[in-house]
Amino acid sequence: MTDPKQSKYFYANGKKYIHLGRHCANSRSVNFTKWVMEIKRILKRNITKEEGDAFKTGYNMGYKEGKKRAIK
């Protein structure tokens, strides 16, 4: 598995996901807000713990990047 920051995809529970955290960090704040809503919607579904952890990792990475950009 490659480093999540370098990879466009990450793997959880044997499935491939687009790495939303990276996508969000490169987009504007409006897109970032939409992305947060999308993640929250995904996390409400019935998913396994591994999938949830992977989404949260992407969420947290993207959130930190978004905050850094907002401060500038």
C-alpha atoms as a PDB file:
ATOM      1  CA  MET A   1       0.000   0.000   0.000  1.00  0.00           C
ATOM      2  CA  THR A   2       1.346   3.432  -0.931  1.00  0.00           C
ATOM      3  CA  ASP A   3       1.447   6.485   1.297  1.00  0.00           C
ATOM      4  CA  PRO A   4      -2.126   7.902   1.431  1.00  0.00           C
ATOM      5  CA  LYS A   5      -0.868  11.460   0.880  1.00  0.00           C
ATOM      6  CA  GLN A   6       0.788  10.412  -2.393  1.00  0.00           C
ATOM      7  CA  SER A   7      -1.954   8.099  -3.600  1.00  0.00           C
ATOM      8  CA  LYS A   8      -5.227   9.121  -5.201  1.00  0.00           C
ATOM      9  CA  TYR A   9      -6.833   5.974  -3.808  1.00  0.00           C
ATOM     10  CA  PHE A  10      -6.753   4.178  -0.504  1.00  0.00           C
ATOM     11  CA  TYR A  11      -7.785   0.667   0.368  1.00  0.00           C
ATOM     12  CA  ALA A  12     -10.059  -0.439   3.195  1.00  0.00           C
ATOM     13  CA  ASN A  13     -11.571  -3.833   3.801  1.00  0.00           C
ATOM     14  CA  GLY A  14     -10.379  -5.062   0.401  1.00  0.00           C
ATOM     15  CA  LYS A  15     -12.157  -2.260  -1.475  1.00  0.00           C
ATOM     16  CA  LYS A  16     -10.700   0.715  -3.321  1.00  0.00           C
ATOM     17  CA  TYR A  17     -11.764   4.256  -2.443  1.00  0.00           C
ATOM     18  CA  ILE A  18     -10.883   7.651  -3.868  1.00  0.00           C
ATOM     19  CA  HIS A  19      -8.826   9.504  -1.280  1.00  0.00           C
ATOM     20  CA  LEU A  20     -11.171  12.387  -0.508  1.00  0.00           C
ATOM     21  CA  GLY A  21      -8.790  14.032   1.941  1.00  0.00           C
ATOM     22  CA  ARG A  22      -6.277  14.788  -0.798  1.00  0.00           C
ATOM     23  CA  HIS A  23      -9.011  15.983  -3.142  1.00  0.00           C
ATOM     24  CA  CYS A  24     -10.328  18.365  -0.541  1.00  0.00           C
ATOM     25  CA  ALA A  25      -6.969  19.920   0.287  1.00  0.00           C
ATOM     26  CA  ASN A  26      -6.527  20.958  -3.348  1.00  0.00           C
ATOM     27  CA  SER A  27      -9.975  22.498  -3.715  1.00  0.00           C
ATOM     28  CA  ARG A  28     -11.476  25.773  -2.569  1.00  0.00           C
ATOM     29  CA  SER A  29     -13.218  26.230   0.759  1.00  0.00           C
ATOM     30  CA  VAL A  30     -16.700  25.890  -0.773  1.00  0.00           C
ATOM     31  CA  ASN A  31     -15.765  22.495  -2.186  1.00  0.00           C
ATOM     32  CA  PHE A  32     -14.205  21.636   1.162  1.00  0.00           C
ATOM     33  CA  THR A  33     -17.537  22.269   2.912  1.00  0.00           C
ATOM     34  CA  LYS A  34     -19.367  20.097   0.373  1.00  0.00           C
ATOM     35  CA  TRP A  35     -16.749  17.417   0.897  1.00  0.00           C
ATOM     36  CA  VAL A  36     -17.228  17.483   4.681  1.00  0.00           C
ATOM     37  CA  MET A  37     -21.000  17.079   4.216  1.00  0.00           C
ATOM     38  CA  GLU A  38     -20.391  14.161   1.865  1.00  0.00           C
ATOM     39  CA  ILE A  39     -18.126  12.413   4.377  1.00  0.00           C
ATOM     40  CA  LYS A  40     -20.625  12.942   7.187  1.00  0.00           C
ATOM     41  CA  ARG A  41     -23.341  11.452   4.981  1.00  0.00           C
ATOM     42  CA  ILE A  42     -21.135   8.442   4.155  1.00  0.00           C
ATOM     43  CA  LEU A  43     -20.257   7.875   7.816  1.00  0.00           C
ATOM     44  CA  LYS A  44     -23.962   7.690   8.736  1.00  0.00           C
ATOM     45  CA  ARG A  45     -24.431   4.602   6.571  1.00  0.00           C
ATOM     46  CA  ASN A  46     -23.945   1.123   7.967  1.00  0.00           C
ATOM     47  CA  ILE A  47     -20.291   0.436   7.236  1.00  0.00           C
ATOM     48  CA  THR A  48     -17.661  -1.754   8.861  1.00  0.00           C
ATOM     49  CA  LYS A  49     -15.164  -0.430  11.382  1.00  0.00           C
ATOM     50  CA  GLU A  50     -12.248  -0.701   8.915  1.00  0.00           C
ATOM     51  CA  GLU A  51     -14.097   1.374   6.343  1.00  0.00           C
ATOM     52  CA  GLY A  52     -15.093   3.917   8.968  1.00  0.00           C
ATOM     53  CA  ASP A  53     -11.515   4.266  10.182  1.00  0.00           C
ATOM     54  CA  ALA A  54     -10.271   4.750   6.621  1.00  0.00           C
ATOM     55  CA  PHE A  55     -12.868   7.453   5.931  1.00  0.00           C
ATOM     56  CA  LYS A  56     -12.056   9.194   9.209  1.00  0.00           C
ATOM     57  CA  THR A  57      -8.348   9.173   8.355  1.00  0.00           C
ATOM     58  CA  GLY A  58      -9.103  10.842   5.020  1.00  0.00           C
ATOM     59  CA  TYR A  59     -11.477  13.251   6.756  1.00  0.00           C
ATOM     60  CA  ASN A  60      -8.925  14.281   9.369  1.00  0.00           C
ATOM     61  CA  MET A  61      -6.115  14.715   6.839  1.00  0.00           C
ATOM     62  CA  GLY A  62      -8.316  16.856   4.628  1.00  0.00           C
ATOM     63  CA  TYR A  63      -9.584  18.877   7.575  1.00  0.00           C
ATOM     64  CA  LYS A  64      -6.065  19.758   8.719  1.00  0.00           C
ATOM     65  CA  GLU A  65      -5.036  20.754   5.191  1.00  0.00           C
ATOM     66  CA  GLY A  66      -8.189  22.835   4.814  1.00  0.00           C
ATOM     67  CA  LYS A  67      -7.501  24.680   8.071  1.00  0.00           C
ATOM     68  CA  LYS A  68      -3.925  25.425   6.999  1.00  0.00           C
ATOM     69  CA  ARG A  69      -5.186  26.934   3.762  1.00  0.00           C
ATOM     70  CA  ALA A  70      -7.901  28.923   5.521  1.00  0.00           C
ATOM     71  CA  ILE A  71      -5.371  30.586   7.842  1.00  0.00           C
ATOM     72  CA  LYS A  72      -3.245  31.962   4.954  1.00  0.00           C
END
